[in-house]
Amino acid sequence: MSQTIKRFWKEVSVVLSEASPGHEVRLDGRAFRLPGGHPLILHSSALAEAIADEWRAIAPGEAFRTAELPLTQMAGTQIERVALDRDQIIGGLMAYGESDLLCYRASGGLGREQDTLFDPVLEVFSTRYGVSPPVTRSLLPLSVGADLHEVLTRILTGFDDAALTCAAICAPATGSLILAIGLAEGWIESAQASLMASVEERYQMQQWGEDDALLQEIERSGVDIAEAVRFLALSREQS
C-alpha cells in the first residue's frame, strides 16, 4: 500500500553491509527498514545506487508517496515476499498461465490485430521450449496441458528472486504469464509487451472514441512494465 510521508533525511548513502553480503541504502547513516523490518540490502551496487537516487530526488521537506519510489518498492517485494515464499509467488503466477492474454482471441478486426501481435510471440515461446500454448476464440476456458504446465513451472522455478519479482509485476500488468516470462528473459521488449497488453482497449477506443481514464491506465501499466524490466537489469549489474 502506498503511503504519503515527508522527506525527513538530509543524506542518502550506499555502504557495504556489515549484517550480510551486499550494498545497504542508508538515510543519514542509519539503516533503512522495509515495512517487514528487513534492512534494504541489495546484491547489486547499481541497483542500490539507483534506489538511493530515488530518495535523493525528493526535495527536502517535500511530501511524497511511496508509489513514487518504484525500485524501492520492487526491492522490498523481492526481499520480504519473493525470497521468503517463492512457492506462493510461483503459484500466483501460474494462474496467469491458465488464462493467458495471448491464448484468448476475439473474432473480426480485433482478432486479426491480436493474431498479428500474439502469434510471433507464441512461435518464439514454442521454439524455445518445445511446447505450443493453445489458442481459442471461444469464451470457454482453455485447458492447459500437462506439458505446458510443466514447462511454465520449470521456467519460474529456475528464475532467481529478481527475475521472479519482475515476472510477478509484469504478469498482472499484461495479463500474460508468457509475456512476463519473455520480459524477464529478455526476448520481449517492454514497449512491445505494453502494446500487446492494451490491444483490445486501443481497438475499442478506435471504434468509440478515446477514454482519458483508460489511456491513463494503459500508461500506468506501461510504466510498471518498464520499471520492472529496469529493476531486473539493474539487479544484474555490479557497478
Protein backbone atom coordinates (compact mmCIF):
# COMPACT_ATOMS: atom_id res chain seq x y z
CA MET A 1 0.00 0.00 0.00
CA SER A 2 1.31 3.44 -0.93
CA GLN A 3 1.76 5.90 1.94
CA THR A 4 2.26 9.67 1.95
CA ILE A 5 5.24 10.85 4.01
CA LYS A 6 7.61 13.83 4.10
CA ARG A 7 11.32 13.78 3.50
CA PHE A 8 12.97 13.70 6.90
CA TRP A 9 16.57 12.87 5.94
CA LYS A 10 19.46 15.03 4.76
CA GLU A 11 21.74 12.46 3.19
CA VAL A 12 21.31 9.17 1.36
CA SER A 13 24.28 6.81 1.16
CA VAL A 14 25.13 3.32 -0.05
CA VAL A 15 27.59 1.30 2.03
CA LEU A 16 28.81 -2.27 2.17
CA SER A 17 26.58 -4.04 4.65
CA GLU A 18 28.03 -5.36 7.86
CA ALA A 19 24.98 -7.59 8.51
CA SER A 20 25.05 -9.63 5.29
CA PRO A 21 26.79 -9.54 1.89
CA GLY A 22 25.53 -6.69 -0.24
CA HIS A 23 25.09 -2.95 -0.54
CA GLU A 24 22.91 -1.20 2.03
CA VAL A 25 20.93 2.00 1.44
CA ARG A 26 21.07 4.29 4.47
CA LEU A 27 19.36 7.55 5.40
CA ASP A 28 21.55 9.91 7.43
CA GLY A 29 23.83 6.96 8.17
CA ARG A 30 21.02 4.84 9.62
CA ALA A 31 19.75 1.60 8.14
CA PHE A 32 16.52 1.97 6.21
CA ARG A 33 13.97 -0.63 7.27
CA LEU A 34 11.34 -2.07 4.96
CA PRO A 35 7.75 -2.47 6.24
CA GLY A 36 8.51 -6.02 7.41
CA GLY A 37 11.58 -4.86 9.32
CA HIS A 38 14.26 -6.07 6.91
CA PRO A 39 17.15 -3.75 6.01
CA LEU A 40 17.37 -2.59 2.40
CA ILE A 41 20.40 -4.62 1.28
CA LEU A 42 20.95 -5.34 -2.41
CA HIS A 43 23.43 -7.65 -4.11
CA SER A 44 23.87 -5.18 -6.97
CA SER A 45 25.63 -1.90 -6.29
CA ALA A 46 24.00 -0.46 -9.43
CA LEU A 47 20.51 -1.20 -8.07
CA ALA A 48 21.43 0.16 -4.64
CA GLU A 49 22.66 3.43 -6.18
CA ALA A 50 19.54 3.72 -8.37
CA ILE A 51 17.35 3.28 -5.29
CA ALA A 52 19.41 5.86 -3.43
CA ASP A 53 18.87 8.25 -6.35
CA GLU A 54 15.10 7.79 -5.99
CA TRP A 55 15.35 9.05 -2.41
CA ARG A 56 17.81 11.83 -3.28
CA ALA A 57 15.43 13.16 -5.93
CA ILE A 58 12.86 14.10 -3.29
CA ALA A 59 13.23 17.73 -2.23
CA PRO A 60 13.83 18.47 1.49
CA GLY A 61 10.54 18.64 3.37
CA GLU A 62 8.54 17.59 0.33
CA ALA A 63 5.60 15.21 0.77
CA PHE A 64 5.65 12.16 -1.46
CA ARG A 65 4.01 8.79 -1.89
CA THR A 66 5.95 5.57 -1.62
CA ALA A 67 4.49 4.62 -5.01
CA GLU A 68 6.84 7.28 -6.43
CA LEU A 69 9.76 5.02 -5.45
CA PRO A 70 9.16 2.03 -7.76
CA LEU A 71 12.63 0.50 -7.46
CA THR A 72 12.42 0.69 -3.66
CA GLN A 73 9.04 -0.99 -3.70
CA MET A 74 10.23 -3.75 -6.02
CA ALA A 75 13.31 -4.36 -3.87
CA GLY A 76 11.03 -4.61 -0.84
CA THR A 77 8.82 -7.09 -2.68
CA GLN A 78 11.84 -9.21 -3.55
CA ILE A 79 13.28 -9.15 -0.03
CA GLU A 80 10.10 -9.53 2.03
CA ARG A 81 7.80 -11.52 -0.26
CA VAL A 82 9.54 -13.32 -3.10
CA ALA A 83 12.63 -14.51 -1.23
CA LEU A 84 10.55 -15.67 1.73
CA ASP A 85 7.82 -17.55 -0.15
CA ARG A 86 8.78 -18.40 -3.71
CA ASP A 87 6.22 -21.21 -3.92
CA GLN A 88 3.33 -18.84 -3.25
CA ILE A 89 4.60 -16.34 -5.83
CA ILE A 90 5.00 -19.08 -8.43
CA GLY A 91 1.54 -20.42 -7.67
CA GLY A 92 0.04 -16.98 -8.18
CA LEU A 93 1.88 -16.55 -11.46
CA MET A 94 0.68 -19.92 -12.75
CA ALA A 95 -2.89 -18.61 -12.58
CA TYR A 96 -1.99 -16.14 -15.35
CA GLY A 97 -0.74 -19.07 -17.42
CA GLU A 98 -4.18 -20.65 -17.19
CA SER A 99 -5.91 -17.55 -18.60
CA ASP A 100 -3.11 -16.06 -20.68
CA LEU A 101 -3.97 -12.97 -22.73
CA LEU A 102 -2.12 -14.37 -25.75
CA CYS A 103 -4.27 -17.50 -25.86
CA TYR A 104 -7.72 -15.87 -25.92
CA ARG A 105 -8.62 -14.12 -29.16
CA ALA A 106 -11.61 -12.21 -30.45
CA SER A 107 -13.06 -12.56 -33.95
CA GLY A 108 -13.24 -9.87 -36.63
CA GLY A 109 -10.90 -6.90 -36.78
CA LEU A 110 -9.73 -7.16 -33.17
CA GLY A 111 -8.96 -10.84 -33.63
CA ARG A 112 -6.84 -10.09 -36.68
CA GLU A 113 -4.85 -7.49 -34.74
CA GLN A 114 -4.36 -9.95 -31.90
CA ASP A 115 -3.20 -12.64 -34.33
CA THR A 116 -0.65 -10.26 -35.85
CA LEU A 117 0.76 -9.28 -32.45
CA PHE A 118 0.41 -12.50 -30.49
CA ASP A 119 1.29 -15.27 -32.93
CA PRO A 120 5.00 -14.33 -33.32
CA VAL A 121 5.43 -14.37 -29.54
CA LEU A 122 3.84 -17.80 -29.20
CA GLU A 123 6.08 -19.03 -32.01
CA VAL A 124 9.18 -17.83 -30.15
CA PHE A 125 7.95 -19.47 -26.96
CA SER A 126 7.23 -22.72 -28.81
CA THR A 127 10.68 -22.71 -30.42
CA ARG A 128 12.45 -22.05 -27.12
CA TYR A 129 10.54 -24.58 -25.02
CA GLY A 130 9.14 -27.17 -27.43
CA VAL A 131 5.51 -26.74 -26.49
CA SER A 132 2.79 -24.68 -28.21
CA PRO A 133 0.26 -22.88 -25.98
CA PRO A 134 -3.34 -23.48 -27.13
CA VAL A 135 -5.34 -20.64 -28.71
CA THR A 136 -9.12 -20.17 -28.73
CA ARG A 137 -11.76 -17.69 -29.91
CA SER A 138 -14.34 -19.23 -27.61
CA LEU A 139 -15.47 -17.82 -24.28
CA LEU A 140 -14.98 -21.24 -22.73
CA PRO A 141 -11.78 -21.61 -20.68
CA LEU A 142 -8.88 -23.48 -22.19
CA SER A 143 -7.35 -26.49 -20.51
CA VAL A 144 -3.61 -26.03 -20.00
CA GLY A 145 -2.00 -29.32 -20.89
CA ALA A 146 0.40 -31.14 -18.62
CA ASP A 147 3.35 -30.41 -20.92
CA LEU A 148 2.77 -26.65 -20.88
CA HIS A 149 2.11 -26.65 -17.15
CA GLU A 150 5.39 -28.48 -16.55
CA VAL A 151 7.33 -26.07 -18.78
CA LEU A 152 5.88 -22.95 -17.12
CA THR A 153 6.60 -24.34 -13.67
CA ARG A 154 10.16 -25.22 -14.65
CA ILE A 155 10.80 -21.75 -16.07
CA LEU A 156 9.53 -19.96 -12.97
CA THR A 157 11.32 -22.31 -10.59
CA GLY A 158 14.55 -21.59 -12.43
CA PHE A 159 14.21 -17.81 -12.07
CA ASP A 160 16.26 -16.13 -9.38
CA ASP A 161 14.47 -13.81 -6.95
CA ALA A 162 14.99 -10.70 -9.09
CA ALA A 163 13.59 -12.33 -12.23
CA LEU A 164 10.66 -13.75 -10.27
CA THR A 165 9.95 -10.27 -8.88
CA CYS A 166 9.98 -8.86 -12.40
CA ALA A 167 7.58 -11.56 -13.60
CA ALA A 168 5.29 -11.01 -10.61
CA ILE A 169 4.89 -7.36 -11.66
CA CYS A 170 4.66 -7.94 -15.41
CA ALA A 171 2.11 -10.78 -15.37
CA PRO A 172 -0.72 -8.72 -13.82
CA ALA A 173 0.32 -5.65 -15.82
CA THR A 174 -0.02 -7.56 -19.11
CA GLY A 175 -2.48 -10.31 -18.23
CA SER A 176 0.01 -12.81 -19.63
CA LEU A 177 2.48 -15.18 -18.00
CA ILE A 178 4.13 -15.78 -21.37
CA LEU A 179 4.77 -12.05 -21.81
CA ALA A 180 6.06 -11.86 -18.22
CA ILE A 181 8.49 -14.70 -18.93
CA GLY A 182 9.63 -13.07 -22.17
CA LEU A 183 10.25 -9.78 -20.38
CA ALA A 184 12.19 -11.45 -17.57
CA GLU A 185 14.26 -13.47 -20.03
CA GLY A 186 14.86 -10.52 -22.33
CA TRP A 187 13.31 -11.75 -25.58
CA ILE A 188 10.40 -9.30 -25.43
CA GLU A 189 10.80 -5.52 -25.15
CA SER A 190 8.71 -3.60 -22.61
CA ALA A 191 7.14 -1.37 -25.30
CA GLN A 192 6.17 -4.45 -27.31
CA ALA A 193 4.57 -6.08 -24.27
CA SER A 194 2.67 -2.87 -23.43
CA LEU A 195 1.32 -2.72 -26.97
CA MET A 196 0.05 -6.29 -26.80
CA ALA A 197 -1.41 -5.86 -23.33
CA SER A 198 -3.53 -2.90 -24.45
CA VAL A 199 -4.54 -4.04 -27.95
CA GLU A 200 -8.19 -4.62 -27.06
CA GLU A 201 -8.58 -1.31 -25.21
CA ARG A 202 -6.95 0.64 -28.03
CA TYR A 203 -9.10 -1.14 -30.63
CA GLN A 204 -12.28 -0.26 -28.74
CA MET A 205 -11.21 3.38 -28.47
CA GLN A 206 -10.68 3.44 -32.23
CA GLN A 207 -14.31 2.39 -32.62
CA TRP A 208 -15.91 4.51 -29.90
CA GLY A 209 -13.52 7.34 -29.09
CA GLU A 210 -10.76 7.92 -26.59
CA ASP A 211 -11.26 7.44 -22.87
CA ASP A 212 -8.93 9.53 -20.72
CA ALA A 213 -9.17 7.21 -17.71
CA LEU A 214 -8.39 4.20 -19.88
CA LEU A 215 -5.46 5.96 -21.52
CA GLN A 216 -4.05 6.76 -18.08
CA GLU A 217 -4.46 3.13 -17.02
CA ILE A 218 -2.62 1.95 -20.15
CA GLU A 219 0.15 4.43 -19.45
CA ARG A 220 0.48 3.31 -15.81
CA SER A 221 0.70 -0.32 -16.86
CA GLY A 222 3.37 0.57 -19.40
CA VAL A 223 5.39 2.36 -16.74
CA ASP A 224 5.07 -0.61 -14.37
CA ILE A 225 6.35 -2.97 -17.06
CA ALA A 226 9.27 -0.72 -17.99
CA GLU A 227 10.27 -0.20 -14.35
CA ALA A 228 10.14 -3.94 -13.66
CA VAL A 229 12.45 -4.61 -16.60
CA ARG A 230 14.75 -1.81 -15.42
CA PHE A 231 14.77 -3.28 -11.90
CA LEU A 232 15.86 -6.64 -13.27
CA ALA A 233 18.56 -5.11 -15.48
CA LEU A 234 19.97 -3.15 -12.53
CA SER A 235 19.89 -6.30 -10.41
CA ARG A 236 22.23 -7.89 -12.94
CA GLU A 237 24.76 -5.03 -12.78
CA GLN A 238 27.50 -4.75 -10.19
CA SER A 239 28.73 -1.19 -10.75
